[in-house]
Amino acid sequence: MNTKLVKVDIENPDMNILGEAAEILRNGGLVAFPTETVYGLGANGLDEQACKKIYEAKGRPSDNPLILTIGDISGLYPIVSRVTPNAEKIINAFWPGPITLVLPKAECVPMTVTGGLDTVAVRFPSNKIARELIKAAGIPVAAPSANSSGKPSPTRASHVEFDLNGKIDMIIDGGAADWGLESTILDVSEDRPVLLRPGAVTQEMIEEVVGKIDVDPAVFSKPSGDIVPKAPGMKYKHYSPSARVILVTGPGENVIKTINEKAKEDAQNGLKVGIMATEQTKDSYNCSSVLVVGDRNRPETIGANLFKILRKFDFIGVDVVYSEVFDEDGEGAAIMNRLNKAAGFNYIKC
């Protein structure tokens, strides 16, 4: 398959190009497109065979649910059987935007999309290219991240091309994603909301709107092997570069000392080592492959760069990556959720 790569201006999208992409989607093909979080891999969300192509292209486990994206609020009601009061509050507060809602599914939604569950995850992205493409297609678009399953999510079209070139019909290049981490996922199918995946819309922001919510244990701890995932990324190791990722936690000076000692030891054993540092610590490490993920005092910079940096370690070919850890307040919850998944909860405590 020849994958067509096209550039689209996010401020003034070329509707001829989006019309071509929409036709591919309606005809059962796959199109990668930008959102404000990461790039999504789109297929007709009501076409079971088209959705199966997503799993095949990504190498994705079939019990890992997909997210349906809509181009306007009216697209929600045909694909869910009920909109709960808390869902209405979240919709009014945060849509369009980087939050996905899990609701009871309508009959028209294939079980292929939901991983066999009777709920469906739905998102209304704020990215203009995404919205206009979905509206032009006239269908809900299934759109997990446009990467090989388990690898860091793509925040640029070049990441999609590296993973999926030759496996999908089209890639729409709309520039770098704004947030860099996938959307928050909130289960609002029952009376008490449950956070399934943290993101740019934080737990604190949600609780200002709907009151106290629960947090699924899989958000911050290693899930059991028999978990039935209600949302993407809950069950499987995720966001990982080819290198082994190790998280180092403890007082700041101890973390730096431990990473330097481990890096020296690994290098002596013939391993190529990478270190993921912050602006504050980048000059404290004795290693040739130190990459700066962002400013510790501005967690949004870390979120925006995390997947790009994890992919860059693959590009430079390291065997092991040592990373600092971050506070789990606010946006830090999403950062640590992704880092824990990338490392398989592999920690050194010092």
Protein backbone atom coordinates (compact mmCIF):
# COMPACT_ATOMS: atom_id res chain seq x y z
CA MET A 1 0.00 0.00 0.00
CA ASN A 2 1.24 3.50 -0.85
CA THR A 3 0.60 5.91 2.01
CA LYS A 4 -0.18 9.43 0.84
CA LEU A 5 1.30 12.22 3.02
CA VAL A 6 -0.40 15.62 2.75
CA LYS A 7 0.12 18.88 4.63
CA VAL A 8 -2.87 20.87 5.88
CA ASP A 9 -2.86 24.32 7.49
CA ILE A 10 -4.57 24.03 10.87
CA GLU A 11 -5.85 27.61 10.69
CA ASN A 12 -7.25 27.30 7.16
CA PRO A 13 -7.73 23.61 6.31
CA ASP A 14 -7.94 22.73 2.61
CA MET A 15 -11.40 21.18 2.33
CA ASN A 16 -10.49 19.46 -0.92
CA ILE A 17 -7.84 17.46 0.89
CA LEU A 18 -10.12 16.79 3.84
CA GLY A 19 -12.85 15.76 1.42
CA GLU A 20 -10.51 13.20 -0.14
CA ALA A 21 -9.59 11.91 3.32
CA ALA A 22 -13.27 11.75 4.30
CA GLU A 23 -14.03 9.63 1.24
CA ILE A 24 -11.24 7.21 2.22
CA LEU A 25 -12.85 6.87 5.65
CA ARG A 26 -16.34 6.31 4.24
CA ASN A 27 -14.95 3.63 1.92
CA GLY A 28 -13.37 1.66 4.75
CA GLY A 29 -9.80 3.03 4.57
CA LEU A 30 -7.45 4.39 7.24
CA VAL A 31 -6.40 8.03 7.65
CA ALA A 32 -4.05 9.42 10.30
CA PHE A 33 -4.84 12.98 11.38
CA PRO A 34 -3.79 15.49 14.04
CA THR A 35 -5.71 16.25 17.20
CA GLU A 36 -4.81 18.60 20.04
CA THR A 37 -3.48 15.62 22.05
CA VAL A 38 -1.68 13.20 19.69
CA TYR A 39 -2.18 11.99 16.10
CA GLY A 40 -5.13 9.63 15.68
CA LEU A 41 -5.58 6.71 13.28
CA GLY A 42 -9.04 7.09 11.83
CA ALA A 43 -11.50 4.55 10.43
CA ASN A 44 -15.27 4.41 10.00
CA GLY A 45 -16.36 3.75 13.58
CA LEU A 46 -19.54 1.98 12.48
CA ASP A 47 -17.78 -0.34 10.01
CA GLU A 48 -16.53 -3.46 11.77
CA GLN A 49 -14.17 -4.44 8.94
CA ALA A 50 -12.65 -0.93 8.81
CA CYS A 51 -12.06 -1.00 12.57
CA LYS A 52 -10.37 -4.38 12.28
CA LYS A 53 -7.89 -2.71 9.90
CA ILE A 54 -6.88 -0.38 12.76
CA TYR A 55 -6.00 -3.35 14.95
CA GLU A 56 -4.05 -4.95 12.09
CA ALA A 57 -2.12 -1.79 11.16
CA LYS A 58 -1.17 -1.05 14.77
CA GLY A 59 -0.68 -4.65 15.91
CA ARG A 60 -3.17 -3.81 18.65
CA PRO A 61 -4.73 -6.43 20.99
CA SER A 62 -8.39 -6.93 20.11
CA ASP A 63 -9.59 -6.40 23.70
CA ASN A 64 -8.10 -2.89 23.82
CA PRO A 65 -11.09 -0.58 23.16
CA LEU A 66 -11.07 2.17 20.54
CA ILE A 67 -12.27 5.76 20.98
CA LEU A 68 -14.95 7.18 18.69
CA THR A 69 -14.42 10.82 17.73
CA ILE A 70 -17.22 13.15 16.67
CA GLY A 71 -17.19 16.43 14.76
CA ASP A 72 -19.96 18.16 16.72
CA ILE A 73 -22.11 17.50 19.78
CA SER A 74 -24.99 16.13 17.69
CA GLY A 75 -22.76 13.21 16.72
CA LEU A 76 -22.84 11.88 20.29
CA TYR A 77 -26.48 10.92 20.57
CA PRO A 78 -26.72 8.27 17.79
CA ILE A 79 -23.80 6.27 19.24
CA VAL A 80 -24.76 6.15 22.94
CA SER A 81 -27.90 4.78 24.55
CA ARG A 82 -27.89 7.23 27.45
CA VAL A 83 -26.20 10.49 28.44
CA THR A 84 -25.88 10.66 32.21
CA PRO A 85 -26.26 13.89 34.20
CA ASN A 86 -22.53 13.95 35.03
CA ALA A 87 -21.72 13.45 31.36
CA GLU A 88 -23.80 16.51 30.52
CA LYS A 89 -21.84 18.56 33.07
CA ILE A 90 -18.49 17.46 31.66
CA ILE A 91 -19.64 18.09 28.08
CA ASN A 92 -20.71 21.61 28.97
CA ALA A 93 -17.44 22.31 30.79
CA PHE A 94 -14.80 20.70 28.57
CA TRP A 95 -16.05 19.81 25.07
CA PRO A 96 -14.61 20.26 22.53
CA GLY A 97 -11.34 19.37 24.19
CA PRO A 98 -8.94 16.71 25.45
CA ILE A 99 -11.35 14.54 27.48
CA THR A 100 -13.01 11.27 26.46
CA LEU A 101 -16.25 10.07 28.05
CA VAL A 102 -17.23 6.42 28.51
CA LEU A 103 -20.99 5.93 28.15
CA PRO A 104 -23.44 3.08 27.46
CA LYS A 105 -23.17 2.27 23.75
CA ALA A 106 -25.93 2.27 21.17
CA GLU A 107 -26.69 -0.87 19.15
CA CYS A 108 -25.07 0.60 16.02
CA VAL A 109 -21.60 0.59 17.61
CA PRO A 110 -19.75 -2.66 16.79
CA MET A 111 -18.30 -4.76 19.59
CA THR A 112 -15.02 -4.54 17.67
CA VAL A 113 -14.85 -0.87 18.70
CA THR A 114 -15.63 -1.46 22.38
CA GLY A 115 -13.44 -4.50 22.98
CA GLY A 116 -16.57 -6.53 23.69
CA LEU A 117 -17.94 -4.08 26.29
CA ASP A 118 -21.41 -2.53 26.38
CA THR A 119 -19.86 0.93 26.83
CA VAL A 120 -18.18 3.16 24.26
CA ALA A 121 -15.53 5.87 24.66
CA VAL A 122 -16.36 9.13 22.83
CA ARG A 123 -14.33 12.31 22.27
CA PHE A 124 -15.06 15.65 20.62
CA PRO A 125 -11.61 17.05 19.71
CA SER A 126 -10.94 20.78 19.57
CA ASN A 127 -8.37 20.53 16.74
CA LYS A 128 -9.92 22.20 13.68
CA ILE A 129 -8.51 19.70 11.16
CA ALA A 130 -9.90 16.79 13.16
CA ARG A 131 -13.34 18.38 13.55
CA GLU A 132 -13.65 19.34 9.88
CA LEU A 133 -12.48 15.90 8.71
CA ILE A 134 -15.00 14.08 10.92
CA LYS A 135 -17.81 16.38 9.83
CA ALA A 136 -16.87 15.90 6.17
CA ALA A 137 -16.89 12.12 6.63
CA GLY A 138 -20.36 12.27 8.18
CA ILE A 139 -19.62 9.33 10.50
CA PRO A 140 -18.16 8.78 13.94
CA VAL A 141 -14.46 8.09 13.40
CA ALA A 142 -12.67 5.47 15.47
CA ALA A 143 -9.30 7.04 16.27
CA PRO A 144 -6.75 5.48 18.63
CA SER A 145 -3.24 6.91 18.56
CA ALA A 146 -1.58 6.47 15.15
CA ASN A 147 1.42 4.42 16.26
CA SER A 148 2.52 0.81 16.40
CA SER A 149 0.88 -0.71 19.47
CA GLY A 150 2.97 -0.30 22.62
CA LYS A 151 5.24 2.40 21.18
CA PRO A 152 5.21 6.07 22.23
CA SER A 153 2.21 7.88 20.83
CA PRO A 154 2.86 10.14 17.81
CA THR A 155 2.89 13.89 18.30
CA ARG A 156 4.06 14.66 14.76
CA ALA A 157 3.23 13.31 11.31
CA SER A 158 6.81 12.05 10.96
CA HIS A 159 6.21 9.72 13.94
CA VAL A 160 3.15 8.28 12.19
CA GLU A 161 5.08 7.85 8.96
CA PHE A 162 7.88 6.00 10.77
CA ASP A 163 5.45 3.51 12.34
CA LEU A 164 2.70 3.10 9.77
CA ASN A 165 4.02 4.03 6.31
CA GLY A 166 2.76 1.44 3.84
CA LYS A 167 0.06 0.21 6.24
CA ILE A 168 -2.52 3.03 5.95
CA ASP A 169 -4.00 5.10 3.13
CA MET A 170 -3.22 8.68 4.14
CA ILE A 171 -1.41 10.80 6.74
CA ILE A 172 -2.57 14.39 7.25
CA ASP A 173 0.31 16.54 8.52
CA GLY A 174 -1.14 19.34 10.62
CA GLY A 175 1.97 20.16 12.62
CA ALA A 176 2.94 19.21 16.17
CA ALA A 177 0.20 18.28 18.64
CA ASP A 178 -0.43 20.91 21.31
CA TRP A 179 -0.72 18.75 24.44
CA GLY A 180 1.47 15.78 23.52
CA LEU A 181 -0.36 13.31 25.80
CA GLU A 182 -3.57 11.45 25.00
CA SER A 183 -6.90 12.65 26.31
CA THR A 184 -8.22 12.21 29.82
CA ILE A 185 -10.69 9.29 29.93
CA LEU A 186 -13.59 9.50 32.39
CA ASP A 187 -16.17 6.76 32.85
CA VAL A 188 -19.51 8.50 33.32
CA SER A 189 -21.67 5.47 32.50
CA GLU A 190 -22.69 5.08 36.18
CA ASP A 191 -23.67 7.55 38.90
CA ARG A 192 -20.14 8.10 40.28
CA PRO A 193 -17.53 9.02 37.65
CA VAL A 194 -14.29 7.02 37.49
CA LEU A 195 -11.02 8.35 36.09
CA LEU A 196 -9.58 5.70 33.76
CA ARG A 197 -6.72 7.71 32.27
CA PRO A 198 -5.38 11.12 33.39
CA GLY A 199 -4.70 13.85 30.85
CA ALA A 200 -4.79 17.58 30.24
CA VAL A 201 -8.20 17.82 31.90
CA THR A 202 -7.02 16.96 35.38
CA GLN A 203 -8.79 15.20 38.26
CA GLU A 204 -8.89 18.51 40.12
CA MET A 205 -10.57 20.25 37.16
CA ILE A 206 -13.16 17.45 36.85
CA GLU A 207 -13.97 17.49 40.57
CA GLU A 208 -14.70 21.21 40.39
CA VAL A 209 -17.52 20.33 37.98
CA VAL A 210 -18.98 17.04 39.28
CA GLY A 211 -17.63 16.66 42.80
CA LYS A 212 -15.52 13.79 44.12
CA ILE A 213 -14.64 11.08 41.59
CA ASP A 214 -13.03 7.66 41.89
CA VAL A 215 -9.71 6.74 40.28
CA ASP A 216 -9.25 3.30 38.73
CA PRO A 217 -6.38 1.42 40.44
CA ALA A 218 -4.76 0.80 37.02
CA VAL A 219 -4.01 4.52 36.69
CA PHE A 220 -1.06 4.44 39.10
CA SER A 221 -0.36 0.75 39.76
CA LYS A 222 0.49 -2.25 37.63
CA PRO A 223 -2.77 -3.91 36.54
CA SER A 224 -3.41 -7.61 36.94
CA GLY A 225 -3.18 -9.75 33.83
CA ASP A 226 -6.90 -10.58 33.89
CA ILE A 227 -8.12 -6.96 33.89
CA VAL A 228 -10.87 -6.17 31.37
CA PRO A 229 -9.80 -2.75 30.04
CA LYS A 230 -12.59 -0.17 29.81
CA ALA A 231 -10.32 2.30 28.05
CA PRO A 232 -7.18 2.31 25.91
CA GLY A 233 -3.84 1.84 27.65
CA MET A 234 -5.17 0.30 30.88
CA LYS A 235 -3.97 -3.29 30.49
CA TYR A 236 -0.87 -3.47 28.32
CA LYS A 237 2.64 -2.05 28.50
CA HIS A 238 2.41 1.14 26.54
CA TYR A 239 4.30 4.18 25.24
CA SER A 240 7.60 2.28 25.31
CA PRO A 241 10.74 2.84 23.27
CA SER A 242 12.82 -0.18 22.30
CA ALA A 243 15.16 0.55 25.22
CA ARG A 244 14.43 -0.61 28.75
CA VAL A 245 13.09 2.33 30.77
CA ILE A 246 13.95 2.62 34.48
CA LEU A 247 12.44 5.27 36.76
CA VAL A 248 14.56 6.56 39.64
CA THR A 249 12.81 8.06 42.65
CA GLY A 250 14.02 9.68 45.86
CA PRO A 251 15.53 13.00 47.01
CA GLY A 252 16.83 15.02 44.06
CA GLU A 253 20.55 14.75 44.83
CA ASN A 254 20.22 11.01 45.45
CA VAL A 255 18.42 10.54 42.13
CA ILE A 256 21.19 12.29 40.20
CA LYS A 257 23.90 10.35 42.04
CA THR A 258 22.14 7.00 41.49
CA ILE A 259 21.51 7.63 37.79
CA ASN A 260 25.15 8.62 37.24
CA GLU A 261 26.36 5.48 39.05
CA LYS A 262 24.00 3.19 37.14
CA ALA A 263 24.84 4.84 33.82
CA LYS A 264 28.57 4.39 34.43
CA GLU A 265 28.10 0.75 35.43
CA ASP A 266 25.96 0.00 32.36
CA ALA A 267 28.41 1.75 30.04
CA GLN A 268 31.25 -0.36 31.45
CA ASN A 269 29.17 -3.43 30.63
CA GLY A 270 28.87 -2.35 27.00
CA LEU A 271 25.40 -0.83 27.12
CA LYS A 272 24.48 2.48 25.50
CA VAL A 273 22.71 4.59 28.10
CA GLY A 274 20.23 7.44 27.75
CA ILE A 275 19.10 9.79 30.51
CA MET A 276 15.85 11.75 30.48
CA ALA A 277 16.50 14.95 32.42
CA THR A 278 14.86 18.32 33.03
CA GLU A 279 16.12 21.83 32.40
CA GLN A 280 17.05 21.95 36.08
CA THR A 281 19.23 18.81 36.03
CA LYS A 282 20.56 18.49 32.48
CA ASP A 283 24.09 19.56 33.43
CA SER A 284 24.30 17.18 36.39
CA TYR A 285 24.71 13.97 34.43
CA ASN A 286 27.90 12.35 33.12
CA CYS A 287 26.48 10.82 29.96
CA SER A 288 26.65 11.65 26.26
CA SER A 289 22.96 10.90 25.65
CA VAL A 290 21.13 13.25 27.99
CA LEU A 291 17.82 14.48 26.55
CA VAL A 292 15.83 17.28 28.15
CA VAL A 293 12.11 16.52 28.43
CA GLY A 294 11.10 19.95 29.76
CA ASP A 295 11.02 22.31 32.71
CA ARG A 296 10.10 20.72 36.04
CA ASN A 297 8.35 23.94 37.06
CA ARG A 298 6.22 23.87 33.90
CA PRO A 299 4.77 20.34 33.64
CA GLU A 300 2.96 21.21 30.42
CA THR A 301 6.36 21.32 28.70
CA ILE A 302 7.13 17.81 29.94
CA GLY A 303 3.77 16.50 28.74
CA ALA A 304 4.25 18.09 25.32
CA ASN A 305 7.72 16.57 24.87
CA LEU A 306 7.52 13.20 26.62
CA PHE A 307 6.65 10.97 23.66
CA LYS A 308 8.97 12.88 21.32
CA ILE A 309 11.88 12.29 23.70
CA LEU A 310 11.06 8.59 24.18
CA ARG A 311 11.05 8.21 20.39
CA LYS A 312 14.34 10.10 20.12
CA PHE A 313 16.01 7.53 22.38
CA ASP A 314 14.99 4.92 19.80
CA PHE A 315 16.45 7.07 17.05
CA ILE A 316 19.85 7.37 18.75
CA GLY A 317 19.79 3.69 19.62
CA VAL A 318 20.21 3.39 23.38
CA ASP A 319 19.79 0.14 25.32
CA VAL A 320 18.53 1.56 28.60
CA VAL A 321 16.94 4.86 29.64
CA TYR A 322 17.07 6.26 33.17
CA SER A 323 14.42 8.86 33.97
CA GLU A 324 13.64 11.16 36.84
CA VAL A 325 10.08 11.05 38.18
CA PHE A 326 7.59 13.88 38.69
CA ASP A 327 4.95 14.99 41.17
CA GLU A 328 1.56 13.40 40.51
CA ASP A 329 -0.46 16.56 41.16
CA GLY A 330 -2.39 18.16 38.30
CA GLU A 331 -0.84 17.46 34.90
CA GLY A 332 1.87 15.44 36.62
CA ALA A 333 -0.66 12.62 37.04
CA ALA A 334 -0.84 12.15 33.27
CA ILE A 335 2.94 12.35 32.91
CA MET A 336 3.58 9.70 35.55
CA ASN A 337 0.80 7.47 34.22
CA ARG A 338 2.55 7.39 30.83
CA LEU A 339 6.02 6.99 32.33
CA ASN A 340 4.87 4.11 34.54
CA LYS A 341 3.41 2.35 31.50
CA ALA A 342 6.55 3.01 29.44
CA ALA A 343 8.74 1.55 32.19
CA GLY A 344 6.44 -1.31 33.08
CA PHE A 345 6.53 0.10 36.65
CA ASN A 346 10.29 -0.60 36.81
CA TYR A 347 11.66 1.57 39.64
CA ILE A 348 14.87 2.17 41.54
CA LYS A 349 14.25 3.80 44.93
CA CYS A 350 17.16 5.69 46.42
